[in-house]
C-alpha atoms as a PDB file:
ATOM      1  CA  MET A   1    -188.494  -9.782 -63.898  1.00  0.00           C
ATOM      2  CA  LEU A   2    -190.837  -7.756 -61.729  1.00  0.00           C
ATOM      3  CA  SER A   3    -190.485  -4.673 -63.925  1.00  0.00           C
ATOM      4  CA  PHE A   4    -191.330  -6.808 -66.976  1.00  0.00           C
ATOM      5  CA  LEU A   5    -194.564  -7.961 -65.332  1.00  0.00           C
ATOM      6  CA  ARG A   6    -195.403  -4.408 -64.280  1.00  0.00           C
ATOM      7  CA  ALA A   7    -194.852  -3.166 -67.836  1.00  0.00           C
ATOM      8  CA  LEU A   8    -197.313  -5.731 -69.211  1.00  0.00           C
ATOM      9  CA  PHE A   9    -200.149  -4.239 -67.166  1.00  0.00           C
ATOM     10  CA  ALA A  10    -199.156  -0.566 -67.255  1.00  0.00           C
ATOM     11  CA  TRP A  11    -200.988   0.338 -70.492  1.00  0.00           C
ATOM     12  CA  ARG A  12    -203.586   3.075 -70.174  1.00  0.00           C
ATOM     13  CA  LEU A  13    -205.934   4.691 -72.665  1.00  0.00           C
ATOM     14  CA  VAL A  14    -204.831   8.271 -73.312  1.00  0.00           C
ATOM     15  CA  ALA A  15    -207.289   9.396 -75.985  1.00  0.00           C
ATOM     16  CA  GLU A  16    -209.686   8.313 -78.700  1.00  0.00           C
ATOM     17  CA  HIS A  17    -209.454  10.481 -81.780  1.00  0.00           C
ATOM     18  CA  GLY A  18    -210.787   9.720 -85.250  1.00  0.00           C
ATOM     19  CA  ARG A  19    -210.247   6.065 -86.079  1.00  0.00           C
ATOM     20  CA  TYR A  20    -207.632   5.456 -83.391  1.00  0.00           C
ATOM     21  CA  ALA A  21    -207.366   4.753 -79.682  1.00  0.00           C
ATOM     22  CA  TYR A  22    -204.039   5.945 -78.253  1.00  0.00           C
ATOM     23  CA  PHE A  23    -202.362   4.041 -75.418  1.00  0.00           C
ATOM     24  CA  GLU A  24    -199.303   4.784 -73.303  1.00  0.00           C
ATOM     25  CA  ASN A  25    -197.276   2.473 -71.084  1.00  0.00           C
ATOM     26  CA  ASP A  26    -196.476   4.262 -67.830  1.00  0.00           C
ATOM     27  CA  VAL A  27    -193.551   1.956 -66.965  1.00  0.00           C
ATOM     28  CA  ALA A  28    -191.780   1.655 -70.324  1.00  0.00           C
ATOM     29  CA  GLY A  29    -192.906   4.974 -71.819  1.00  0.00           C
ATOM     30  CA  ALA A  30    -193.992   3.275 -75.060  1.00  0.00           C
ATOM     31  CA  ARG A  31    -196.921   4.660 -77.077  1.00  0.00           C
ATOM     32  CA  GLU A  32    -199.258   2.863 -79.490  1.00  0.00           C
ATOM     33  CA  ALA A  33    -202.277   3.578 -81.650  1.00  0.00           C
ATOM     34  CA  HIS A  34    -204.919   0.930 -82.350  1.00  0.00           C
ATOM     35  CA  VAL A  35    -207.604   1.173 -85.032  1.00  0.00           C
ATOM     36  CA  ILE A  36    -211.051   1.229 -83.427  1.00  0.00           C
ATOM     37  CA  LEU A  37    -213.192   2.084 -86.480  1.00  0.00           C
ATOM     38  CA  ARG A  38    -212.835  -0.105 -89.545  1.00  0.00           C
ATOM     39  CA  ASN A  39    -215.890   0.961 -91.543  1.00  0.00           C
ATOM     40  CA  GLY A  40    -214.279   3.032 -94.288  1.00  0.00           C
ATOM     41  CA  GLY A  41    -212.877   6.529 -94.341  1.00  0.00           C
ATOM     42  CA  THR A  42    -209.387   7.580 -93.461  1.00  0.00           C
ATOM     43  CA  HIS A  43    -207.898   9.549 -90.632  1.00  0.00           C
ATOM     44  CA  PRO A  44    -204.150   9.902 -90.078  1.00  0.00           C
ATOM     45  CA  ALA A  45    -202.600   8.715 -86.841  1.00  0.00           C
ATOM     46  CA  HIS A  46    -201.029  11.383 -84.644  1.00  0.00           C
ATOM     47  CA  ARG A  47    -197.429  10.507 -85.464  1.00  0.00           C
ATOM     48  CA  ARG A  48    -195.878  13.365 -83.463  1.00  0.00           C
ATOM     49  CA  TRP A  49    -197.412  12.042 -80.237  1.00  0.00           C
ATOM     50  CA  LEU A  50    -196.449   8.470 -81.092  1.00  0.00           C
ATOM     51  CA  ALA A  51    -192.844   9.616 -81.568  1.00  0.00           C
ATOM     52  CA  GLY A  52    -192.760  11.102 -78.068  1.00  0.00           C
ATOM     53  CA  GLY A  53    -194.071  14.599 -78.705  1.00  0.00           C
ATOM     54  CA  ASP A  54    -197.139  16.372 -77.405  1.00  0.00           C
ATOM     55  CA  TRP A  55    -200.743  16.668 -78.633  1.00  0.00           C
ATOM     56  CA  SER A  56    -200.418  20.173 -80.046  1.00  0.00           C
ATOM     57  CA  TYR A  57    -201.031  20.773 -83.714  1.00  0.00           C
ATOM     58  CA  GLU A  58    -199.047  23.432 -85.522  1.00  0.00           C
ATOM     59  CA  ARG A  59    -200.983  25.218 -88.218  1.00  0.00           C
ATOM     60  CA  PRO A  60    -199.096  25.631 -91.462  1.00  0.00           C
ATOM     61  CA  PRO A  61    -198.372  29.217 -92.491  1.00  0.00           C
ATOM     62  CA  PRO A  62    -200.891  30.752 -94.902  1.00  0.00           C
ATOM     63  CA  PRO A  63    -199.977  30.310 -98.556  1.00  0.00           C
ATOM     64  CA  ARG A  64    -198.285  33.245-100.227  1.00  0.00           C
ATOM     65  CA  SER A  65    -199.807  34.460-103.437  1.00  0.00           C
ATOM     66  CA  GLN A  66    -197.511  34.472-106.456  1.00  0.00           C
ATOM     67  CA  SER A  67    -199.325  37.452-108.037  1.00  0.00           C
ATOM     68  CA  GLY A  68    -198.697  39.849-105.160  1.00  0.00           C
ATOM     69  CA  VAL A  69    -202.349  39.782-104.020  1.00  0.00           C
ATOM     70  CA  LYS A  70    -202.711  39.011-100.329  1.00  0.00           C
ATOM     71  CA  SER A  71    -204.475  35.746 -99.586  1.00  0.00           C
ATOM     72  CA  ILE A  72    -207.407  35.544 -97.193  1.00  0.00           C
ATOM     73  CA  GLY A  73    -206.178  35.356 -93.608  1.00  0.00           C
ATOM     74  CA  ALA A  74    -202.775  36.831 -94.348  1.00  0.00           C
ATOM     75  CA  ALA A  75    -201.284  39.187 -91.766  1.00  0.00           C
ATOM     76  CA  ARG A  76    -201.727  42.873 -92.538  1.00  0.00           C
END
């Protein structure tokens, strides 16, 4: 019962990014995102962090050209 009461008050704000405020429960380890801006526009929630991952973003590899011409930013 005591751990249940502790978990109710263990939420802390981790970050505000885009339209969302991200919270984490230090006792239960749960993570949530709450919409803080409702005035139009879209911004995806950070689903990797919500699933238990970290904040890092992996950049996708540069697109490969079908014609054999190297794209801008491709490794030489």
